[in-house]
Amino acid sequence: MDEDRVEFRAGRDTYGLARWVVGQVQEREQRADGPWIKVLPAYSASDEDAQWVRQDDVRGAAGPA
């Protein structure tokens, strides 16, 4: 996965369905338990909101960049 703009799983909605949020990749890291990606949510104005997520919980973002 080489995209800079991705969607990451950010919990579940009230119906129990996965909620996906668009974000910008900040860093990538290989750990003992697999690849992780640091993602800054698109709605955020601060780098402090970036969070590490497992690559399994990330997919390419749909739509125009």
N, C-alpha and C. Protein backbone atom coordinates (compact mmCIF):
# COMPACT_ATOMS: atom_id res chain seq x y z
N MET A 1 0.85 -1.18 0.00
CA MET A 1 0.00 0.00 0.00
C MET A 1 0.89 1.23 0.00
N ASP A 2 0.85 1.99 -1.09
CA ASP A 2 1.73 3.15 -1.23
C ASP A 2 0.97 4.47 -1.30
N GLU A 3 -0.32 4.46 -1.08
CA GLU A 3 -1.10 5.69 -1.17
C GLU A 3 -0.75 6.65 -0.04
N ASP A 4 -0.84 7.94 -0.33
CA ASP A 4 -0.65 8.95 0.71
C ASP A 4 -1.99 9.33 1.34
N ARG A 5 -3.07 9.16 0.60
CA ARG A 5 -4.41 9.46 1.10
C ARG A 5 -5.14 8.13 1.24
N VAL A 6 -5.59 7.82 2.43
CA VAL A 6 -6.20 6.53 2.72
C VAL A 6 -7.47 6.71 3.56
N GLU A 7 -8.19 5.61 3.74
CA GLU A 7 -9.28 5.55 4.70
C GLU A 7 -8.85 4.56 5.78
N PHE A 8 -9.15 4.90 7.03
CA PHE A 8 -8.82 3.97 8.11
C PHE A 8 -10.05 3.72 8.97
N ARG A 9 -10.11 2.50 9.50
CA ARG A 9 -11.24 2.10 10.32
C ARG A 9 -11.16 2.84 11.65
N ALA A 10 -12.22 3.57 11.98
CA ALA A 10 -12.23 4.40 13.19
C ALA A 10 -13.40 4.04 14.09
N GLY A 11 -13.57 2.77 14.36
CA GLY A 11 -14.64 2.33 15.24
C GLY A 11 -15.87 1.88 14.48
N ARG A 12 -16.99 1.87 15.17
CA ARG A 12 -18.26 1.41 14.60
C ARG A 12 -19.35 2.46 14.82
N ASP A 13 -20.30 2.49 13.88
CA ASP A 13 -21.43 3.42 14.02
C ASP A 13 -22.52 2.79 14.88
N THR A 14 -23.64 3.47 15.02
CA THR A 14 -24.72 2.99 15.89
C THR A 14 -25.37 1.71 15.37
N TYR A 15 -25.16 1.37 14.10
CA TYR A 15 -25.70 0.15 13.52
C TYR A 15 -24.71 -1.01 13.61
N GLY A 16 -23.54 -0.76 14.16
CA GLY A 16 -22.53 -1.79 14.29
C GLY A 16 -21.64 -1.96 13.07
N LEU A 17 -21.78 -1.06 12.09
CA LEU A 17 -20.98 -1.12 10.88
C LEU A 17 -19.67 -0.37 11.07
N ALA A 18 -18.63 -0.82 10.39
CA ALA A 18 -17.33 -0.15 10.48
C ALA A 18 -17.46 1.29 9.97
N ARG A 19 -16.85 2.21 10.69
CA ARG A 19 -16.84 3.62 10.28
C ARG A 19 -15.45 3.93 9.74
N TRP A 20 -15.37 4.43 8.51
CA TRP A 20 -14.10 4.71 7.84
C TRP A 20 -13.91 6.22 7.75
N VAL A 21 -12.69 6.69 8.03
CA VAL A 21 -12.36 8.11 8.00
C VAL A 21 -11.20 8.32 7.02
N VAL A 22 -11.30 9.36 6.20
CA VAL A 22 -10.22 9.69 5.26
C VAL A 22 -9.09 10.35 6.02
N GLY A 23 -7.86 9.99 5.66
CA GLY A 23 -6.71 10.58 6.32
C GLY A 23 -5.50 10.63 5.41
N GLN A 24 -4.48 11.32 5.87
CA GLN A 24 -3.21 11.49 5.16
C GLN A 24 -2.14 10.69 5.89
N VAL A 25 -1.40 9.86 5.16
CA VAL A 25 -0.34 9.06 5.77
C VAL A 25 0.80 9.98 6.20
N GLN A 26 1.23 9.85 7.45
CA GLN A 26 2.34 10.62 8.00
C GLN A 26 3.62 9.79 8.04
N GLU A 27 3.49 8.54 8.49
CA GLU A 27 4.65 7.65 8.63
C GLU A 27 4.20 6.21 8.43
N ARG A 28 5.18 5.35 8.14
CA ARG A 28 4.96 3.91 8.07
C ARG A 28 6.03 3.25 8.93
N GLU A 29 5.64 2.16 9.59
CA GLU A 29 6.58 1.49 10.50
C GLU A 29 6.30 0.00 10.50
N GLN A 30 7.36 -0.79 10.41
CA GLN A 30 7.23 -2.24 10.53
C GLN A 30 7.50 -2.62 11.98
N ARG A 31 6.55 -3.30 12.60
CA ARG A 31 6.70 -3.74 13.99
C ARG A 31 6.67 -5.26 14.03
N ALA A 32 6.93 -5.82 15.19
CA ALA A 32 6.93 -7.28 15.34
C ALA A 32 5.57 -7.88 14.99
N ASP A 33 4.48 -7.13 15.23
CA ASP A 33 3.14 -7.63 14.94
C ASP A 33 2.62 -7.18 13.58
N GLY A 34 3.50 -6.70 12.71
CA GLY A 34 3.10 -6.34 11.35
C GLY A 34 3.27 -4.85 11.06
N PRO A 35 2.87 -4.45 9.84
CA PRO A 35 3.02 -3.04 9.45
C PRO A 35 1.97 -2.14 10.09
N TRP A 36 2.42 -0.93 10.47
CA TRP A 36 1.55 0.09 11.06
C TRP A 36 1.72 1.38 10.26
N ILE A 37 0.67 2.19 10.24
CA ILE A 37 0.68 3.45 9.50
C ILE A 37 0.19 4.56 10.42
N LYS A 38 0.91 5.66 10.47
CA LYS A 38 0.47 6.83 11.25
C LYS A 38 -0.34 7.71 10.31
N VAL A 39 -1.61 7.95 10.67
CA VAL A 39 -2.55 8.65 9.79
C VAL A 39 -3.09 9.89 10.49
N LEU A 40 -3.13 10.99 9.74
CA LEU A 40 -3.73 12.23 10.22
C LEU A 40 -5.12 12.35 9.58
N PRO A 41 -6.19 12.34 10.39
CA PRO A 41 -7.53 12.46 9.83
C PRO A 41 -7.70 13.74 9.01
N ALA A 42 -8.43 13.65 7.91
CA ALA A 42 -8.62 14.80 7.01
C ALA A 42 -9.31 15.96 7.71
N TYR A 43 -10.16 15.69 8.68
CA TYR A 43 -10.89 16.75 9.38
C TYR A 43 -10.04 17.48 10.41
N SER A 44 -8.83 17.01 10.64
CA SER A 44 -7.98 17.57 11.68
C SER A 44 -7.15 18.74 11.18
N ALA A 45 -6.94 19.70 12.06
CA ALA A 45 -6.09 20.85 11.75
C ALA A 45 -4.76 20.77 12.50
N SER A 46 -4.57 19.69 13.26
CA SER A 46 -3.39 19.58 14.10
C SER A 46 -2.72 18.22 13.93
N ASP A 47 -1.39 18.21 13.81
CA ASP A 47 -0.64 16.97 13.72
C ASP A 47 -0.78 16.12 14.99
N GLU A 48 -1.21 16.73 16.07
CA GLU A 48 -1.40 16.01 17.33
C GLU A 48 -2.52 14.97 17.23
N ASP A 49 -3.40 15.11 16.24
CA ASP A 49 -4.51 14.18 16.07
C ASP A 49 -4.12 12.93 15.28
N ALA A 50 -2.89 12.87 14.77
CA ALA A 50 -2.44 11.69 14.03
C ALA A 50 -2.41 10.49 14.96
N GLN A 51 -2.74 9.32 14.42
CA GLN A 51 -2.76 8.12 15.23
C GLN A 51 -2.20 6.93 14.46
N TRP A 52 -1.65 5.98 15.19
CA TRP A 52 -1.12 4.76 14.58
C TRP A 52 -2.24 3.76 14.43
N VAL A 53 -2.35 3.17 13.24
CA VAL A 53 -3.32 2.12 12.98
C VAL A 53 -2.63 0.98 12.24
N ARG A 54 -3.12 -0.24 12.49
CA ARG A 54 -2.56 -1.39 11.78
C ARG A 54 -2.90 -1.27 10.30
N GLN A 55 -1.99 -1.71 9.45
CA GLN A 55 -2.24 -1.64 8.01
C GLN A 55 -3.48 -2.43 7.63
N ASP A 56 -3.84 -3.46 8.39
CA ASP A 56 -5.05 -4.23 8.14
C ASP A 56 -6.31 -3.38 8.26
N ASP A 57 -6.22 -2.27 8.99
CA ASP A 57 -7.37 -1.38 9.20
C ASP A 57 -7.33 -0.15 8.29
N VAL A 58 -6.56 -0.25 7.21
CA VAL A 58 -6.41 0.87 6.28
C VAL A 58 -6.71 0.38 4.86
N ARG A 59 -7.39 1.24 4.10
CA ARG A 59 -7.65 0.94 2.68
C ARG A 59 -7.43 2.21 1.86
N GLY A 60 -7.24 2.05 0.57
CA GLY A 60 -7.08 3.20 -0.31
C GLY A 60 -8.33 4.06 -0.31
N ALA A 61 -8.17 5.36 -0.32
CA ALA A 61 -9.32 6.28 -0.30
C ALA A 61 -9.97 6.33 -1.68
N ALA A 62 -11.28 6.29 -1.69
CA ALA A 62 -12.02 6.38 -2.95
C ALA A 62 -12.26 7.85 -3.30
N GLY A 63 -12.45 8.12 -4.55
CA GLY A 63 -12.79 9.47 -4.99
C GLY A 63 -11.57 10.31 -5.34
N PRO A 64 -11.81 11.55 -5.77
CA PRO A 64 -10.72 12.44 -6.18
C PRO A 64 -9.89 12.90 -5.00
N ALA A 65 -8.63 13.17 -5.26
CA ALA A 65 -7.73 13.62 -4.21
C ALA A 65 -7.94 15.07 -3.87
